[in-house]
Amino acid sequence: MIIVTQNEIEGEGLRRILTERSLDVVGVFRNLADIPLETDSHGVNNILVMASSSDEATLEMCREAHILQDEALIVMLGHDCECAMVAQAFQAGVAGYIGKDTSCASLAAMINLVALGEKIVPSRIIFELAGLDTNLRWNDNDGRIEDVKMSDREVEILRGLIRGEPNKIISRRLNITEATVKVHVKSILRKLHVVNRTQAAIWALSRGLLGEPVQQNGEQPSRPAVPAVTPAVVPRFPLRLADVA
């Protein structure tokens, strides 16, 4: 197992936590480029535990790792555990997304599961999915976008929810604080009579609102045609637990 983090204290802390729980840590490196080419004499897949100061930076590291070591099992240690970030992480090729608020024992257990070929997602995501009303149905009598008294700012934030953007990204794009975004999101949920961001996005999409930001002339920006892509099947690489435990 290899730990990649630019924070030396964090790296050594992770090494100690994992080695004390019988996991074999080959080394702690600050960058992917510092990892020796031959880190596994048995020819099996490495586990890469990736961590950084922000989820965006860690996600970029995971993307790079997936390109450079496509057979590696990548574990991303995240901060916020937002649905959109977790989805992007798995799209980037990670095998597990673990929140940094996870207990030491749970961290080791989850990494063992990744070694066995399982996919790990934060429990917060499971609870959010469980909270969805799968019987929820909308029809034309439930109201239209035009009937909901939302400000232009709220509509633009709703577009961000459709795109799956976390509050941090929305605040940067609109040049407002995260606290202001949270206030607007709560207002949107109340006005749409939904309980979470996912239901708000579905409500808006079902009424024709798109995720693209509106230009000043009120028109949707043109987008280049994108060819259809067949989803790839992610292989489950064989990995003997004895090689990492």
Protein backbone atom coordinates (compact mmCIF):
# COMPACT_ATOMS: atom_id res chain seq x y z
CA MET A 1 0.00 0.00 0.00
CA ILE A 2 1.20 3.51 -0.82
CA ILE A 3 0.12 6.76 0.82
CA VAL A 4 0.30 9.98 -1.21
CA THR A 5 -0.09 13.30 0.61
CA GLN A 6 1.82 16.56 0.70
CA ASN A 7 1.21 16.84 4.42
CA GLU A 8 4.06 14.99 6.14
CA ILE A 9 2.28 14.82 9.51
CA GLU A 10 -0.88 13.44 7.90
CA GLY A 11 1.14 10.89 5.93
CA GLU A 12 3.05 9.60 8.94
CA GLY A 13 -0.17 9.51 10.95
CA LEU A 14 -1.85 7.36 8.29
CA ARG A 15 1.19 5.10 8.11
CA ARG A 16 1.09 4.48 11.84
CA ILE A 17 -2.67 3.93 11.93
CA LEU A 18 -2.58 1.39 9.12
CA THR A 19 0.59 -0.48 10.12
CA GLU A 20 -0.74 -0.86 13.66
CA ARG A 21 -3.71 -2.65 12.10
CA SER A 22 -1.55 -5.11 10.15
CA LEU A 23 -1.63 -3.31 6.82
CA ASP A 24 1.64 -3.20 4.91
CA VAL A 25 2.52 0.38 3.95
CA VAL A 26 5.29 0.44 1.34
CA GLY A 27 5.91 4.15 1.75
CA VAL A 28 4.57 7.68 2.09
CA PHE A 29 5.18 10.05 -0.82
CA ARG A 30 4.42 13.71 -1.41
CA ASN A 31 3.69 13.33 -5.13
CA LEU A 32 2.90 10.56 -7.58
CA ALA A 33 6.15 11.29 -9.40
CA ASP A 34 8.09 10.36 -6.25
CA ILE A 35 6.76 6.79 -6.23
CA PRO A 36 9.38 4.28 -7.48
CA LEU A 37 8.37 2.45 -10.63
CA GLU A 38 8.83 -0.96 -8.99
CA THR A 39 6.86 -0.91 -5.74
CA ASP A 40 5.43 -4.43 -5.86
CA SER A 41 7.66 -7.41 -6.52
CA HIS A 42 4.68 -9.80 -6.63
CA GLY A 43 3.14 -8.21 -9.71
CA VAL A 44 -0.23 -7.55 -8.06
CA ASN A 45 -2.06 -4.27 -7.87
CA ASN A 46 -1.05 -1.53 -5.44
CA ILE A 47 -3.47 0.30 -3.23
CA LEU A 48 -2.98 4.07 -3.41
CA VAL A 49 -4.37 6.10 -0.50
CA MET A 50 -4.69 9.71 -1.72
CA ALA A 51 -5.14 12.77 0.50
CA SER A 52 -4.70 16.52 0.09
CA SER A 53 -5.75 19.85 1.59
CA SER A 54 -9.00 19.97 -0.41
CA ASP A 55 -11.32 17.55 -2.19
CA GLU A 56 -10.66 19.27 -5.51
CA ALA A 57 -6.90 18.79 -5.17
CA THR A 58 -7.30 15.17 -4.06
CA LEU A 59 -9.65 14.47 -6.96
CA GLU A 60 -7.08 15.81 -9.42
CA MET A 61 -4.44 13.55 -7.83
CA CYS A 62 -6.77 10.57 -8.25
CA ARG A 63 -7.34 11.38 -11.91
CA GLU A 64 -3.60 11.55 -12.49
CA ALA A 65 -3.03 8.32 -10.55
CA HIS A 66 -5.67 6.50 -12.59
CA ILE A 67 -3.88 7.52 -15.78
CA LEU A 68 -0.36 6.72 -14.58
CA GLN A 69 -1.25 3.52 -12.70
CA ASP A 70 -4.49 2.29 -14.21
CA GLU A 71 -4.29 -1.05 -12.40
CA ALA A 72 -3.99 0.52 -8.96
CA LEU A 73 -6.85 0.46 -6.46
CA ILE A 74 -7.28 4.12 -5.50
CA VAL A 75 -8.71 5.20 -2.15
CA MET A 76 -9.60 8.90 -1.84
CA LEU A 77 -9.69 10.46 1.62
CA GLY A 78 -12.22 13.30 1.36
CA HIS A 79 -13.46 16.18 3.50
CA ASP A 80 -17.10 17.00 2.69
CA CYS A 81 -18.52 13.72 1.32
CA GLU A 82 -20.82 15.67 -1.01
CA CYS A 83 -22.76 13.52 -3.48
CA ALA A 84 -21.36 15.38 -6.48
CA MET A 85 -17.76 15.01 -5.30
CA VAL A 86 -18.19 11.31 -4.53
CA ALA A 87 -19.68 10.77 -8.00
CA GLN A 88 -16.77 12.61 -9.63
CA ALA A 89 -14.31 10.54 -7.63
CA PHE A 90 -15.73 7.25 -8.91
CA GLN A 91 -15.84 8.66 -12.43
CA ALA A 92 -12.13 9.42 -11.97
CA GLY A 93 -11.46 5.77 -11.23
CA VAL A 94 -11.33 5.52 -7.44
CA ALA A 95 -12.31 2.27 -5.75
CA GLY A 96 -13.23 3.88 -2.45
CA TYR A 97 -14.13 7.30 -1.07
CA ILE A 98 -13.58 7.54 2.69
CA GLY A 99 -14.34 10.62 4.78
CA LYS A 100 -11.55 11.98 6.97
CA ASP A 101 -13.90 11.86 9.95
CA THR A 102 -13.87 8.05 9.78
CA SER A 103 -12.52 6.21 12.81
CA CYS A 104 -9.09 4.56 12.60
CA ALA A 105 -10.53 1.04 12.87
CA SER A 106 -13.12 1.74 10.17
CA LEU A 107 -10.47 3.20 7.87
CA ALA A 108 -8.41 0.02 8.01
CA ALA A 109 -11.49 -2.18 7.56
CA MET A 110 -12.64 -0.18 4.52
CA ILE A 111 -9.22 -0.41 2.89
CA ASN A 112 -9.29 -4.17 3.45
CA LEU A 113 -12.64 -4.26 1.64
CA VAL A 114 -11.16 -2.29 -1.26
CA ALA A 115 -8.37 -4.85 -1.38
CA LEU A 116 -11.02 -7.55 -1.78
CA GLY A 117 -12.52 -5.72 -4.76
CA GLU A 118 -15.37 -3.90 -3.05
CA LYS A 119 -16.40 -0.29 -3.69
CA ILE A 120 -16.63 1.99 -0.64
CA VAL A 121 -18.88 5.06 -0.37
CA PRO A 122 -19.51 7.28 2.69
CA SER A 123 -22.42 6.28 4.93
CA ARG A 124 -23.73 9.85 4.56
CA ILE A 125 -24.45 9.14 0.88
CA ILE A 126 -26.35 5.98 1.82
CA PHE A 127 -28.49 7.89 4.32
CA GLU A 128 -29.22 10.57 1.71
CA LEU A 129 -30.30 7.96 -0.82
CA ALA A 130 -32.42 6.26 1.82
CA GLY A 131 -34.13 9.59 2.48
CA LEU A 132 -35.30 9.90 -1.11
CA ASP A 133 -39.00 9.36 -1.63
CA THR A 134 -38.93 6.81 -4.43
CA ASN A 135 -42.71 7.06 -4.77
CA LEU A 136 -42.53 10.80 -5.41
CA ARG A 137 -44.28 11.73 -8.65
CA TRP A 138 -44.88 15.12 -10.21
CA ASN A 139 -47.42 16.13 -12.81
CA ASP A 140 -48.43 19.25 -14.65
CA ASN A 141 -50.69 20.32 -11.80
CA ASP A 142 -47.78 20.50 -9.35
CA GLY A 143 -46.73 23.89 -10.65
CA ARG A 144 -44.34 25.34 -13.20
CA ILE A 145 -41.00 27.08 -12.89
CA GLU A 146 -42.76 30.35 -13.76
CA ASP A 147 -45.26 29.83 -10.92
CA VAL A 148 -42.60 29.54 -8.23
CA LYS A 149 -41.53 32.94 -6.96
CA MET A 150 -37.78 32.51 -7.17
CA SER A 151 -35.24 35.26 -7.70
CA ASP A 152 -32.81 35.17 -10.62
CA ARG A 153 -30.06 34.28 -8.15
CA GLU A 154 -32.07 31.34 -6.81
CA VAL A 155 -32.74 30.08 -10.34
CA GLU A 156 -29.03 30.25 -11.09
CA ILE A 157 -28.23 28.32 -7.91
CA LEU A 158 -30.90 25.78 -8.87
CA ARG A 159 -29.07 25.31 -12.16
CA GLY A 160 -25.97 24.58 -10.09
CA LEU A 161 -27.88 21.92 -8.16
CA ILE A 162 -28.85 20.32 -11.47
CA ARG A 163 -25.15 20.19 -12.38
CA GLY A 164 -24.40 18.59 -9.02
CA GLU A 165 -22.21 21.45 -7.86
CA PRO A 166 -21.38 21.70 -4.14
CA ASN A 167 -21.90 25.02 -2.33
CA LYS A 168 -18.20 25.85 -2.60
CA ILE A 169 -18.25 25.74 -6.41
CA ILE A 170 -21.51 27.68 -6.65
CA SER A 171 -20.17 30.41 -4.35
CA ARG A 172 -17.02 30.80 -6.45
CA ARG A 173 -18.94 30.92 -9.72
CA LEU A 174 -21.44 33.50 -8.47
CA ASN A 175 -18.88 35.39 -6.37
CA ILE A 176 -20.89 35.06 -3.15
CA THR A 177 -20.14 33.40 0.19
CA GLU A 178 -20.92 29.77 0.95
CA ALA A 179 -23.17 30.94 3.77
CA THR A 180 -25.23 32.94 1.27
CA VAL A 181 -25.49 29.89 -0.99
CA LYS A 182 -26.77 27.80 1.92
CA VAL A 183 -29.46 30.39 2.67
CA HIS A 184 -30.57 30.38 -0.97
CA VAL A 185 -30.60 26.57 -1.11
CA LYS A 186 -32.83 26.38 1.97
CA SER A 187 -35.15 28.92 0.40
CA ILE A 188 -35.29 26.91 -2.83
CA LEU A 189 -36.12 23.68 -0.99
CA ARG A 190 -38.88 25.44 0.93
CA LYS A 191 -40.42 27.02 -2.18
CA LEU A 192 -40.33 23.76 -4.14
CA HIS A 193 -41.66 21.72 -1.20
CA VAL A 194 -38.81 19.20 -1.44
CA VAL A 195 -36.49 17.88 1.25
CA ASN A 196 -33.06 17.82 -0.38
CA ARG A 197 -30.91 19.07 -3.28
CA THR A 198 -31.45 15.95 -5.36
CA GLN A 199 -35.23 16.30 -5.32
CA ALA A 200 -34.90 20.01 -6.16
CA ALA A 201 -32.77 19.17 -9.20
CA ILE A 202 -35.23 16.48 -10.35
CA TRP A 203 -38.16 18.87 -9.87
CA ALA A 204 -36.48 21.51 -12.02
CA LEU A 205 -35.36 19.08 -14.72
CA SER A 206 -38.89 17.66 -15.00
CA ARG A 207 -40.05 21.18 -15.86
CA GLY A 208 -37.46 21.88 -18.52
CA LEU A 209 -34.88 23.86 -16.56
CA LEU A 210 -31.40 23.06 -17.81
CA GLY A 211 -28.11 23.12 -15.97
CA GLU A 212 -26.39 25.51 -18.35
CA PRO A 213 -26.01 29.09 -17.05
CA VAL A 214 -28.05 31.72 -18.89
CA GLN A 215 -26.23 34.40 -20.87
CA GLN A 216 -27.06 38.06 -20.42
CA ASN A 217 -29.30 38.02 -23.50
CA GLY A 218 -31.36 35.28 -21.85
CA GLU A 219 -30.29 32.57 -24.31
CA GLN A 220 -28.66 29.29 -23.44
CA PRO A 221 -24.98 29.22 -24.49
CA SER A 222 -24.28 27.02 -27.47
CA ARG A 223 -22.50 23.77 -26.77
CA PRO A 224 -20.51 21.61 -29.19
CA ALA A 225 -22.00 18.31 -30.17
CA VAL A 226 -20.74 15.49 -28.00
CA PRO A 227 -20.55 11.99 -29.49
CA ALA A 228 -22.31 9.22 -27.63
CA VAL A 229 -20.05 7.20 -25.41
CA THR A 230 -20.72 3.66 -24.36
CA PRO A 231 -20.17 3.28 -20.61
CA ALA A 232 -17.10 1.22 -19.87
CA VAL A 233 -17.21 -1.70 -17.51
CA VAL A 234 -14.75 -1.20 -14.67
CA PRO A 235 -12.81 -4.43 -14.15
CA ARG A 236 -12.36 -5.87 -10.66
CA PHE A 237 -8.65 -6.48 -10.37
CA PRO A 238 -7.55 -9.58 -8.46
CA LEU A 239 -5.69 -8.80 -5.26
CA ARG A 240 -4.65 -11.18 -2.57
CA LEU A 241 -5.43 -9.78 0.87
CA ALA A 242 -2.31 -11.44 2.21
CA ASP A 243 -0.24 -9.09 0.08
CA VAL A 244 -1.59 -6.01 1.86
CA ALA A 245 -2.39 -7.34 5.32
